[in-house]
């Protein structure tokens, strides 16, 4: 499952970007049906974002991912 997590996260981020692009397209057209489609696309983006956040919290809780510090040398004094 650990090797699947980066793919799920990247897939969710890609879906968010696609939804944002679709929303921008419907916003720029500005028709009556486009405002409904814009609201749908933004709702989808928010839903995917919340799902991604919850997935990351779940993965952290069960140990599939672990936080780590910045990779680097000694801190500057």
PDB file of N, CA and C in Angstrom:
ATOM      1  N   UNK A   1       0.822  -1.199   0.000  1.00  0.00           N
ATOM      2  CA  UNK A   1       0.000   0.000   0.000  1.00  0.00           C
ATOM      3  C   UNK A   1       0.859   1.254   0.000  1.00  0.00           C
ATOM      4  N   UNK A   2       2.078   1.161   0.527  1.00  0.00           N
ATOM      5  CA  UNK A   2       2.939   2.334   0.588  1.00  0.00           C
ATOM      6  C   UNK A   2       3.309   2.832  -0.809  1.00  0.00           C
ATOM      7  N   UNK A   3       3.482   1.940  -1.755  1.00  0.00           N
ATOM      8  CA  UNK A   3       3.837   2.377  -3.106  1.00  0.00           C
ATOM      9  C   UNK A   3       2.626   2.903  -3.859  1.00  0.00           C
ATOM     10  N   UNK A   4       1.430   2.597  -3.374  1.00  0.00           N
ATOM     11  CA  UNK A   4       0.215   3.072  -4.020  1.00  0.00           C
ATOM     12  C   UNK A   4      -0.144   4.491  -3.588  1.00  0.00           C
ATOM     13  N   UNK A   5       0.271   4.906  -2.408  1.00  0.00           N
ATOM     14  CA  UNK A   5      -0.082   6.223  -1.878  1.00  0.00           C
ATOM     15  C   UNK A   5       0.378   7.380  -2.768  1.00  0.00           C
ATOM     16  N   UNK A   6       1.625   7.397  -3.252  1.00  0.00           N
ATOM     17  CA  UNK A   6       2.008   8.511  -4.122  1.00  0.00           C
ATOM     18  C   UNK A   6       1.181   8.564  -5.409  1.00  0.00           C
ATOM     19  N   UNK A   7       0.826   7.398  -5.935  1.00  0.00           N
ATOM     20  CA  UNK A   7       0.008   7.375  -7.145  1.00  0.00           C
ATOM     21  C   UNK A   7      -1.396   7.902  -6.880  1.00  0.00           C
ATOM     22  N   UNK A   8      -1.971   7.538  -5.738  1.00  0.00           N
ATOM     23  CA  UNK A   8      -3.292   8.058  -5.378  1.00  0.00           C
ATOM     24  C   UNK A   8      -3.255   9.569  -5.175  1.00  0.00           C
ATOM     25  N   UNK A   9      -2.219  10.048  -4.503  1.00  0.00           N
ATOM     26  CA  UNK A   9      -2.094  11.489  -4.263  1.00  0.00           C
ATOM     27  C   UNK A   9      -1.904  12.247  -5.576  1.00  0.00           C
ATOM     28  N   UNK A  10      -1.058  11.741  -6.447  1.00  0.00           N
ATOM     29  CA  UNK A  10      -0.856  12.409  -7.735  1.00  0.00           C
ATOM     30  C   UNK A  10      -2.110  12.361  -8.595  1.00  0.00           C
ATOM     31  N   UNK A  11      -2.821  11.240  -8.554  1.00  0.00           N
ATOM     32  CA  UNK A  11      -4.079  11.137  -9.301  1.00  0.00           C
ATOM     33  C   UNK A  11      -5.111  12.132  -8.793  1.00  0.00           C
ATOM     34  N   UNK A  12      -5.193  12.282  -7.475  1.00  0.00           N
ATOM     35  CA  UNK A  12      -6.134  13.244  -6.900  1.00  0.00           C
ATOM     36  C   UNK A  12      -5.737  14.675  -7.262  1.00  0.00           C
ATOM     37  N   UNK A  13      -4.453  14.983  -7.215  1.00  0.00           N
ATOM     38  CA  UNK A  13      -4.007  16.332  -7.592  1.00  0.00           C
ATOM     39  C   UNK A  13      -4.278  16.613  -9.072  1.00  0.00           C
ATOM     40  N   UNK A  14      -4.083  15.617  -9.909  1.00  0.00           N
ATOM     41  CA  UNK A  14      -4.383  15.772 -11.331  1.00  0.00           C
ATOM     42  C   UNK A  14      -5.878  16.012 -11.544  1.00  0.00           C
ATOM     43  N   UNK A  15      -6.718  15.273 -10.829  1.00  0.00           N
ATOM     44  CA  UNK A  15      -8.161  15.464 -10.934  1.00  0.00           C
ATOM     45  C   UNK A  15      -8.569  16.857 -10.456  1.00  0.00           C
ATOM     46  N   UNK A  16      -7.911  17.368  -9.428  1.00  0.00           N
ATOM     47  CA  UNK A  16      -8.195  18.717  -8.935  1.00  0.00           C
ATOM     48  C   UNK A  16      -7.841  19.755  -9.989  1.00  0.00           C
ATOM     49  N   UNK A  17      -6.687  19.607 -10.625  1.00  0.00           N
ATOM     50  CA  UNK A  17      -6.269  20.556 -11.661  1.00  0.00           C
ATOM     51  C   UNK A  17      -7.214  20.497 -12.866  1.00  0.00           C
ATOM     52  N   UNK A  18      -7.632  19.295 -13.250  1.00  0.00           N
ATOM     53  CA  UNK A  18      -8.569  19.157 -14.367  1.00  0.00           C
ATOM     54  C   UNK A  18      -9.902  19.820 -14.033  1.00  0.00           C
ATOM     55  N   UNK A  19     -10.380  19.630 -12.815  1.00  0.00           N
ATOM     56  CA  UNK A  19     -11.633  20.242 -12.394  1.00  0.00           C
ATOM     57  C   UNK A  19     -11.516  21.771 -12.375  1.00  0.00           C
ATOM     58  N   UNK A  20     -10.373  22.280 -11.936  1.00  0.00           N
ATOM     59  CA  UNK A  20     -10.152  23.731 -11.962  1.00  0.00           C
ATOM     60  C   UNK A  20     -10.146  24.259 -13.393  1.00  0.00           C
ATOM     61  N   UNK A  21      -9.505  23.540 -14.294  1.00  0.00           N
ATOM     62  CA  UNK A  21      -9.476  23.950 -15.697  1.00  0.00           C
ATOM     63  C   UNK A  21     -10.860  23.941 -16.316  1.00  0.00           C
ATOM     64  N   UNK A  22     -11.633  22.922 -16.007  1.00  0.00           N
ATOM     65  CA  UNK A  22     -12.997  22.855 -16.518  1.00  0.00           C
ATOM     66  C   UNK A  22     -13.842  23.997 -15.951  1.00  0.00           C
ATOM     67  N   UNK A  23     -13.665  24.287 -14.669  1.00  0.00           N
ATOM     68  CA  UNK A  23     -14.384  25.414 -14.065  1.00  0.00           C
ATOM     69  C   UNK A  23     -14.001  26.730 -14.710  1.00  0.00           C
ATOM     70  N   UNK A  24     -12.729  26.910 -15.003  1.00  0.00           N
ATOM     71  CA  UNK A  24     -12.277  28.137 -15.676  1.00  0.00           C
ATOM     72  C   UNK A  24     -12.880  28.251 -17.066  1.00  0.00           C
ATOM     73  N   UNK A  25     -12.954  27.141 -17.766  1.00  0.00           N
ATOM     74  CA  UNK A  25     -13.558  27.131 -19.094  1.00  0.00           C
ATOM     75  C   UNK A  25     -15.020  27.564 -19.031  1.00  0.00           C
ATOM     76  N   UNK A  26     -15.776  26.999 -18.090  1.00  0.00           N
ATOM     77  CA  UNK A  26     -17.187  27.358 -17.970  1.00  0.00           C
ATOM     78  C   UNK A  26     -17.359  28.790 -17.456  1.00  0.00           C
ATOM     79  N   UNK A  27     -16.437  29.263 -16.650  1.00  0.00           N
ATOM     80  CA  UNK A  27     -16.492  30.643 -16.176  1.00  0.00           C
ATOM     81  C   UNK A  27     -16.273  31.618 -17.316  1.00  0.00           C
ATOM     82  N   UNK A  28     -15.357  31.294 -18.221  1.00  0.00           N
ATOM     83  CA  UNK A  28     -15.043  32.216 -19.312  1.00  0.00           C
ATOM     84  C   UNK A  28     -16.146  32.251 -20.365  1.00  0.00           C
ATOM     85  N   UNK A  29     -16.912  31.161 -20.508  1.00  0.00           N
ATOM     86  CA  UNK A  29     -18.001  31.155 -21.486  1.00  0.00           C
ATOM     87  C   UNK A  29     -19.184  31.963 -20.992  1.00  0.00           C
ATOM     88  N   UNK A  30     -19.549  31.811 -19.739  1.00  0.00           N
ATOM     89  CA  UNK A  30     -20.543  32.671 -19.105  1.00  0.00           C
ATOM     90  C   UNK A  30     -21.984  32.458 -19.517  1.00  0.00           C
ATOM     91  N   UNK A  31     -22.361  31.302 -20.024  1.00  0.00           N
ATOM     92  CA  UNK A  31     -23.750  31.050 -20.380  1.00  0.00           C
ATOM     93  C   UNK A  31     -24.580  30.627 -19.179  1.00  0.00           C
ATOM     94  N   UNK A  32     -25.905  30.466 -19.416  1.00  0.00           N
ATOM     95  CA  UNK A  32     -26.797  30.073 -18.330  1.00  0.00           C
ATOM     96  C   UNK A  32     -26.487  28.665 -17.831  1.00  0.00           C
ATOM     97  N   UNK A  33     -26.298  27.734 -18.743  1.00  0.00           N
ATOM     98  CA  UNK A  33     -25.938  26.368 -18.351  1.00  0.00           C
ATOM     99  C   UNK A  33     -24.522  26.290 -17.809  1.00  0.00           C
ATOM    100  N   UNK A  34     -23.672  27.220 -18.252  1.00  0.00           N
ATOM    101  CA  UNK A  34     -22.275  27.184 -17.811  1.00  0.00           C
ATOM    102  C   UNK A  34     -22.132  27.500 -16.331  1.00  0.00           C
ATOM    103  N   UNK A  35     -23.009  28.338 -15.781  1.00  0.00           N
ATOM    104  CA  UNK A  35     -22.897  28.642 -14.351  1.00  0.00           C
ATOM    105  C   UNK A  35     -23.222  27.400 -13.523  1.00  0.00           C
ATOM    106  N   UNK A  36     -24.170  26.576 -13.987  1.00  0.00           N
ATOM    107  CA  UNK A  36     -24.485  25.330 -13.296  1.00  0.00           C
ATOM    108  C   UNK A  36     -23.307  24.358 -13.391  1.00  0.00           C
ATOM    109  N   UNK A  37     -22.700  24.301 -14.567  1.00  0.00           N
ATOM    110  CA  UNK A  37     -21.547  23.420 -14.763  1.00  0.00           C
ATOM    111  C   UNK A  37     -20.348  23.902 -13.949  1.00  0.00           C
ATOM    112  N   UNK A  38     -20.186  25.225 -13.850  1.00  0.00           N
ATOM    113  CA  UNK A  38     -19.105  25.795 -13.042  1.00  0.00           C
ATOM    114  C   UNK A  38     -19.271  25.394 -11.583  1.00  0.00           C
ATOM    115  N   UNK A  39     -20.483  25.513 -11.060  1.00  0.00           N
ATOM    116  CA  UNK A  39     -20.736  25.135  -9.667  1.00  0.00           C
ATOM    117  C   UNK A  39     -20.479  23.642  -9.459  1.00  0.00           C
ATOM    118  N   UNK A  40     -20.865  22.817 -10.429  1.00  0.00           N
ATOM    119  CA  UNK A  40     -20.632  21.371 -10.325  1.00  0.00           C
ATOM    120  C   UNK A  40     -19.134  21.066 -10.309  1.00  0.00           C
ATOM    121  N   UNK A  41     -18.381  21.726 -11.203  1.00  0.00           N
ATOM    122  CA  UNK A  41     -16.937  21.478 -11.261  1.00  0.00           C
ATOM    123  C   UNK A  41     -16.237  21.902  -9.972  1.00  0.00           C
ATOM    124  N   UNK A  42     -16.639  23.026  -9.417  1.00  0.00           N
ATOM    125  CA  UNK A  42     -16.014  23.479  -8.177  1.00  0.00           C
ATOM    126  C   UNK A  42     -16.409  22.587  -7.000  1.00  0.00           C
ATOM    127  N   UNK A  43     -17.635  22.071  -7.016  1.00  0.00           N
ATOM    128  CA  UNK A  43     -18.046  21.121  -5.979  1.00  0.00           C
ATOM    129  C   UNK A  43     -17.222  19.839  -6.060  1.00  0.00           C
ATOM    130  N   UNK A  44     -16.982  19.388  -7.273  1.00  0.00           N
ATOM    131  CA  UNK A  44     -16.149  18.203  -7.474  1.00  0.00           C
ATOM    132  C   UNK A  44     -14.737  18.455  -6.960  1.00  0.00           C
ATOM    133  N   UNK A  45     -14.190  19.639  -7.251  1.00  0.00           N
ATOM    134  CA  UNK A  45     -12.829  19.965  -6.793  1.00  0.00           C
ATOM    135  C   UNK A  45     -12.748  19.974  -5.283  1.00  0.00           C
ATOM    136  N   UNK A  46     -13.727  20.563  -4.635  1.00  0.00           N
ATOM    137  CA  UNK A  46     -13.720  20.619  -3.175  1.00  0.00           C
ATOM    138  C   UNK A  46     -13.857  19.210  -2.596  1.00  0.00           C
ATOM    139  N   UNK A  47     -14.710  18.397  -3.193  1.00  0.00           N
ATOM    140  CA  UNK A  47     -14.890  17.021  -2.716  1.00  0.00           C
ATOM    141  C   UNK A  47     -13.610  16.211  -2.855  1.00  0.00           C
ATOM    142  N   UNK A  48     -12.921  16.350  -3.973  1.00  0.00           N
ATOM    143  CA  UNK A  48     -11.665  15.628  -4.171  1.00  0.00           C
ATOM    144  C   UNK A  48     -10.606  16.116  -3.189  1.00  0.00           C
ATOM    145  N   UNK A  49     -10.565  17.422  -2.947  1.00  0.00           N
ATOM    146  CA  UNK A  49      -9.589  17.978  -2.003  1.00  0.00           C
ATOM    147  C   UNK A  49      -9.817  17.451  -0.590  1.00  0.00           C
ATOM    148  N   UNK A  50     -11.076  17.406  -0.169  1.00  0.00           N
ATOM    149  CA  UNK A  50     -11.391  16.886   1.163  1.00  0.00           C
ATOM    150  C   UNK A  50     -11.059  15.401   1.242  1.00  0.00           C
ATOM    151  N   UNK A  51     -11.388  14.649   0.191  1.00  0.00           N
ATOM    152  CA  UNK A  51     -11.082  13.217   0.173  1.00  0.00           C
ATOM    153  C   UNK A  51      -9.574  12.976   0.234  1.00  0.00           C
ATOM    154  N   UNK A  52      -8.802  13.786  -0.491  1.00  0.00           N
ATOM    155  CA  UNK A  52      -7.342  13.652  -0.454  1.00  0.00           C
ATOM    156  C   UNK A  52      -6.805  13.940   0.938  1.00  0.00           C
ATOM    157  N   UNK A  53      -7.315  14.981   1.580  1.00  0.00           N
ATOM    158  CA  UNK A  53      -6.874  15.321   2.920  1.00  0.00           C
ATOM    159  C   UNK A  53      -7.184  14.181   3.896  1.00  0.00           C
ATOM    160  N   UNK A  54      -8.401  13.637   3.816  1.00  0.00           N
ATOM    161  CA  UNK A  54      -8.781  12.529   4.701  1.00  0.00           C
ATOM    162  C   UNK A  54      -7.965  11.277   4.412  1.00  0.00           C
ATOM    163  N   UNK A  55      -7.672  11.036   3.136  1.00  0.00           N
ATOM    164  CA  UNK A  55      -6.839   9.885   2.774  1.00  0.00           C
ATOM    165  C   UNK A  55      -5.434  10.032   3.355  1.00  0.00           C
ATOM    166  N   UNK A  56      -4.871  11.222   3.291  1.00  0.00           N
ATOM    167  CA  UNK A  56      -3.543  11.444   3.862  1.00  0.00           C
ATOM    168  C   UNK A  56      -3.557  11.274   5.384  1.00  0.00           C
ATOM    169  N   UNK A  57      -4.614  11.757   6.041  1.00  0.00           N
ATOM    170  CA  UNK A  57      -4.719  11.558   7.491  1.00  0.00           C
ATOM    171  C   UNK A  57      -4.838  10.083   7.839  1.00  0.00           C
ATOM    172  N   UNK A  58      -5.644   9.344   7.084  1.00  0.00           N
ATOM    173  CA  UNK A  58      -5.794   7.911   7.316  1.00  0.00           C
ATOM    174  C   UNK A  58      -4.484   7.175   7.081  1.00  0.00           C
ATOM    175  N   UNK A  59      -3.795   7.508   6.001  1.00  0.00           N
ATOM    176  CA  UNK A  59      -2.520   6.858   5.688  1.00  0.00           C
ATOM    177  C   UNK A  59      -1.488   7.127   6.784  1.00  0.00           C
ATOM    178  N   UNK A  60      -1.487   8.330   7.322  1.00  0.00           N
ATOM    179  CA  UNK A  60      -0.573   8.664   8.406  1.00  0.00           C
ATOM    180  C   UNK A  60      -0.943   7.898   9.679  1.00  0.00           C
ATOM    181  N   UNK A  61      -2.251   7.781   9.954  1.00  0.00           N
ATOM    182  CA  UNK A  61      -2.704   7.121  11.178  1.00  0.00           C
ATOM    183  C   UNK A  61      -2.371   5.624  11.180  1.00  0.00           C
ATOM    184  N   UNK A  62      -2.454   4.972  10.028  1.00  0.00           N
ATOM    185  CA  UNK A  62      -2.186   3.534   9.987  1.00  0.00           C
ATOM    186  C   UNK A  62      -0.724   3.220   9.656  1.00  0.00           C
ATOM    187  N   UNK A  63       0.078   4.253   9.401  1.00  0.00           N
ATOM    188  CA  UNK A  63       1.507   4.049   9.207  1.00  0.00           C
ATOM    189  C   UNK A  63       1.946   3.826   7.771  1.00  0.00           C
ATOM    190  N   UNK A  64       1.060   4.072   6.795  1.00  0.00           N
ATOM    191  CA  UNK A  64       1.450   3.918   5.394  1.00  0.00           C
ATOM    192  C   UNK A  64       2.416   5.010   4.963  1.00  0.00           C
ATOM    193  N   UNK A  65       2.282   6.191   5.558  1.00  0.00           N
ATOM    194  CA  UNK A  65       3.213   7.295   5.299  1.00  0.00           C
ATOM    195  C   UNK A  65       3.667   7.833   6.643  1.00  0.00           C
ATOM    196  N   UNK A  66       4.808   8.484   6.662  1.00  0.00           N
ATOM    197  CA  UNK A  66       5.283   9.072   7.907  1.00  0.00           C
ATOM    198  C   UNK A  66       5.897  10.432   7.608  1.00  0.00           C
ATOM    199  N   UNK A  67       5.660  11.392   8.483  1.00  0.00           N
ATOM    200  CA  UNK A  67       6.255  12.708   8.285  1.00  0.00           C
ATOM    201  C   UNK A  67       7.748  12.661   8.540  1.00  0.00           C
ATOM    202  N   UNK A  68       8.467  13.514   7.883  1.00  0.00           N
ATOM    203  CA  UNK A  68       9.907  13.591   8.104  1.00  0.00           C
ATOM    204  C   UNK A  68      10.329  15.047   7.982  1.00  0.00           C
ATOM    205  N   UNK A  69      11.464  15.351   8.563  1.00  0.00           N
ATOM    206  CA  UNK A  69      11.997  16.706   8.500  1.00  0.00           C
ATOM    207  C   UNK A  69      12.583  16.990   7.137  1.00  0.00           C
ATOM    208  N   UNK A  70      12.993  18.199   6.972  1.00  0.00           N
ATOM    209  CA  UNK A  70      13.650  18.575   5.716  1.00  0.00           C
ATOM    210  C   UNK A  70      14.985  17.863   5.605  1.00  0.00           C
ATOM    211  N   UNK A  71      15.281  17.415   4.424  1.00  0.00           N
ATOM    212  CA  UNK A  71      16.567  16.753   4.193  1.00  0.00           C
ATOM    213  C   UNK A  71      17.618  17.837   3.989  1.00  0.00           C
ATOM    214  N   UNK A  72      18.672  17.771   4.725  1.00  0.00           N
ATOM    215  CA  UNK A  72      19.705  18.786   4.573  1.00  0.00           C
ATOM    216  C   UNK A  72      20.763  18.669   5.658  1.00  0.00           C
ATOM    217  N   UNK A  73      21.614  19.628   5.666  1.00  0.00           N
ATOM    218  CA  UNK A  73      22.717  19.640   6.616  1.00  0.00           C
ATOM    219  C   UNK A  73      22.305  20.204   7.956  1.00  0.00           C
ATOM    220  N   UNK A  74      23.286  20.677   8.665  1.00  0.00           N
ATOM    221  CA  UNK A  74      23.047  21.222   9.996  1.00  0.00           C
ATOM    222  C   UNK A  74      22.335  22.563   9.883  1.00  0.00           C
ATOM    223  N   UNK A  75      21.553  22.924  10.912  1.00  0.00           N
ATOM    224  CA  UNK A  75      20.846  24.192  10.878  1.00  0.00           C
ATOM    225  C   UNK A  75      21.822  25.365  10.970  1.00  0.00           C
ATOM    226  N   UNK A  76      21.408  26.494  10.442  1.00  0.00           N
ATOM    227  CA  UNK A  76      22.228  27.702  10.468  1.00  0.00           C
ATOM    228  C   UNK A  76      22.120  28.327  11.852  1.00  0.00           C
ATOM    229  N   UNK A  77      23.239  28.683  12.434  1.00  0.00           N
ATOM    230  CA  UNK A  77      23.256  29.304  13.768  1.00  0.00           C
ATOM    231  C   UNK A  77      23.534  30.763  13.668  1.00  0.00           C
TER     232      UNK A  77
END
